[in-house]
Amino acid sequence: MVILTILIALISFLLIAIILIQNPKGGGVDSTFGGSQANQLFGAAGSTEIVEKVTWGLAAALFVLCIVAALMVGGSSAGTEQLLTQ
């Protein structure tokens, strides 16, 4: 359970960072975070597409890990209640 919590915290931090890197007007990677190099490497459209895919991937991973954590916590408390009532 500790590893799952650490993964959730790490993915949350990465998701915050990747969202802050995005340009609010949809123009590509922000130049403050080295966006000019990314634009040269991938092109302006390619860099925004990669950042968007990473954002959706991290969001999906966070969603799945939170569901798994809730099921693990819910499953362990139900087992404890059954032991106490017997």
C-alpha atoms as a PDB file:
ATOM      1  CA  MET A   1       0.000   0.000   0.000  1.00  0.00           C
ATOM      2  CA  VAL A   2       2.941   2.312   0.692  1.00  0.00           C
ATOM      3  CA  ILE A   3       4.298   1.799  -2.830  1.00  0.00           C
ATOM      4  CA  LEU A   4       0.876   2.611  -4.268  1.00  0.00           C
ATOM      5  CA  THR A   5       0.719   5.826  -2.242  1.00  0.00           C
ATOM      6  CA  ILE A   6       4.187   6.847  -3.397  1.00  0.00           C
ATOM      7  CA  LEU A   7       3.215   6.162  -7.030  1.00  0.00           C
ATOM      8  CA  ILE A   8       0.081   8.287  -6.670  1.00  0.00           C
ATOM      9  CA  ALA A   9       2.108  11.160  -5.182  1.00  0.00           C
ATOM     10  CA  LEU A  10       4.762  10.905  -7.910  1.00  0.00           C
ATOM     11  CA  ILE A  11       2.211  10.829 -10.738  1.00  0.00           C
ATOM     12  CA  SER A  12       0.338  13.754  -9.161  1.00  0.00           C
ATOM     13  CA  PHE A  13       3.542  15.802  -9.033  1.00  0.00           C
ATOM     14  CA  LEU A  14       4.398  14.936 -12.651  1.00  0.00           C
ATOM     15  CA  LEU A  15       0.862  15.800 -13.755  1.00  0.00           C
ATOM     16  CA  ILE A  16       1.092  19.200 -12.058  1.00  0.00           C
ATOM     17  CA  ALA A  17       4.476  19.843 -13.698  1.00  0.00           C
ATOM     18  CA  ILE A  18       3.316  18.835 -17.189  1.00  0.00           C
ATOM     19  CA  ILE A  19       0.212  21.013 -16.899  1.00  0.00           C
ATOM     20  CA  LEU A  20       2.320  24.002 -15.841  1.00  0.00           C
ATOM     21  CA  ILE A  21       4.615  23.477 -18.846  1.00  0.00           C
ATOM     22  CA  GLN A  22       1.709  23.812 -21.272  1.00  0.00           C
ATOM     23  CA  ASN A  23       1.067  27.145 -22.894  1.00  0.00           C
ATOM     24  CA  PRO A  24      -2.388  28.401 -21.830  1.00  0.00           C
ATOM     25  CA  LYS A  25      -3.228  29.549 -25.371  1.00  0.00           C
ATOM     26  CA  GLY A  26      -2.410  26.181 -26.919  1.00  0.00           C
ATOM     27  CA  GLY A  27       0.625  27.526 -28.754  1.00  0.00           C
ATOM     28  CA  GLY A  28       3.063  24.843 -27.676  1.00  0.00           C
ATOM     29  CA  VAL A  29       5.537  24.212 -24.921  1.00  0.00           C
ATOM     30  CA  ASP A  30       6.238  27.333 -22.879  1.00  0.00           C
ATOM     31  CA  SER A  31       9.624  28.865 -23.651  1.00  0.00           C
ATOM     32  CA  THR A  32      10.305  29.349 -19.935  1.00  0.00           C
ATOM     33  CA  PHE A  33      10.808  25.595 -19.569  1.00  0.00           C
ATOM     34  CA  GLY A  34      12.973  25.081 -22.646  1.00  0.00           C
ATOM     35  CA  GLY A  35      10.182  25.061 -25.174  1.00  0.00           C
ATOM     36  CA  SER A  36      12.321  26.442 -27.976  1.00  0.00           C
ATOM     37  CA  GLN A  37      14.485  23.299 -27.980  1.00  0.00           C
ATOM     38  CA  ALA A  38      11.384  21.080 -27.955  1.00  0.00           C
ATOM     39  CA  ASN A  39       9.865  23.070 -30.805  1.00  0.00           C
ATOM     40  CA  GLN A  40      13.063  22.643 -32.837  1.00  0.00           C
ATOM     41  CA  LEU A  41      13.181  18.921 -32.133  1.00  0.00           C
ATOM     42  CA  PHE A  42       9.525  18.002 -32.685  1.00  0.00           C
ATOM     43  CA  GLY A  43       8.142  21.063 -34.424  1.00  0.00           C
ATOM     44  CA  ALA A  44       5.523  23.300 -32.803  1.00  0.00           C
ATOM     45  CA  ALA A  45       2.640  20.922 -33.491  1.00  0.00           C
ATOM     46  CA  GLY A  46       4.616  17.843 -32.456  1.00  0.00           C
ATOM     47  CA  SER A  47       5.622  19.207 -29.064  1.00  0.00           C
ATOM     48  CA  THR A  48       2.056  20.126 -28.100  1.00  0.00           C
ATOM     49  CA  GLU A  49       0.842  16.719 -29.237  1.00  0.00           C
ATOM     50  CA  ILE A  50       3.442  14.942 -27.095  1.00  0.00           C
ATOM     51  CA  VAL A  51       2.693  17.094 -24.048  1.00  0.00           C
ATOM     52  CA  GLU A  52      -1.029  16.475 -24.493  1.00  0.00           C
ATOM     53  CA  LYS A  53      -0.544  12.706 -24.784  1.00  0.00           C
ATOM     54  CA  VAL A  54       1.658  12.659 -21.668  1.00  0.00           C
ATOM     55  CA  THR A  55      -0.959  14.700 -19.791  1.00  0.00           C
ATOM     56  CA  TRP A  56      -3.759  12.278 -20.715  1.00  0.00           C
ATOM     57  CA  GLY A  57      -1.566   9.274 -19.909  1.00  0.00           C
ATOM     58  CA  LEU A  58      -0.661  10.603 -16.470  1.00  0.00           C
ATOM     59  CA  ALA A  59      -4.296  11.494 -15.769  1.00  0.00           C
ATOM     60  CA  ALA A  60      -5.428   7.996 -16.733  1.00  0.00           C
ATOM     61  CA  ALA A  61      -2.697   6.400 -14.608  1.00  0.00           C
ATOM     62  CA  LEU A  62      -3.675   8.558 -11.630  1.00  0.00           C
ATOM     63  CA  PHE A  63      -7.345   7.613 -12.070  1.00  0.00           C
ATOM     64  CA  VAL A  64      -6.567   3.883 -12.200  1.00  0.00           C
ATOM     65  CA  LEU A  65      -4.202   4.016  -9.214  1.00  0.00           C
ATOM     66  CA  CYS A  66      -6.761   5.903  -7.123  1.00  0.00           C
ATOM     67  CA  ILE A  67      -9.437   3.316  -7.937  1.00  0.00           C
ATOM     68  CA  VAL A  68      -7.046   0.477  -7.059  1.00  0.00           C
ATOM     69  CA  ALA A  69      -6.110   2.183  -3.782  1.00  0.00           C
ATOM     70  CA  ALA A  70      -9.773   2.687  -2.879  1.00  0.00           C
ATOM     71  CA  LEU A  71     -10.527  -0.968  -3.601  1.00  0.00           C
ATOM     72  CA  MET A  72      -7.558  -2.105  -1.519  1.00  0.00           C
ATOM     73  CA  VAL A  73      -8.554   0.054   1.440  1.00  0.00           C
ATOM     74  CA  GLY A  74     -12.220  -0.920   1.100  1.00  0.00           C
ATOM     75  CA  GLY A  75     -11.346  -4.596   0.894  1.00  0.00           C
ATOM     76  CA  SER A  76      -9.116  -4.541   3.972  1.00  0.00           C
ATOM     77  CA  SER A  77     -11.663  -2.737   6.159  1.00  0.00           C
ATOM     78  CA  ALA A  78     -14.433  -5.146   5.169  1.00  0.00           C
ATOM     79  CA  GLY A  79     -12.268  -8.093   6.180  1.00  0.00           C
ATOM     80  CA  THR A  80     -11.505  -6.473   9.522  1.00  0.00           C
ATOM     81  CA  GLU A  81     -15.200  -5.933  10.252  1.00  0.00           C
ATOM     82  CA  GLN A  82     -15.942  -9.586   9.555  1.00  0.00           C
ATOM     83  CA  LEU A  83     -13.225 -10.671  11.982  1.00  0.00           C
ATOM     84  CA  LEU A  84     -14.552  -8.395  14.709  1.00  0.00           C
ATOM     85  CA  THR A  85     -18.135  -9.650  14.416  1.00  0.00           C
ATOM     86  CA  GLN A  86     -17.221 -13.358  14.638  1.00  0.00           C
END
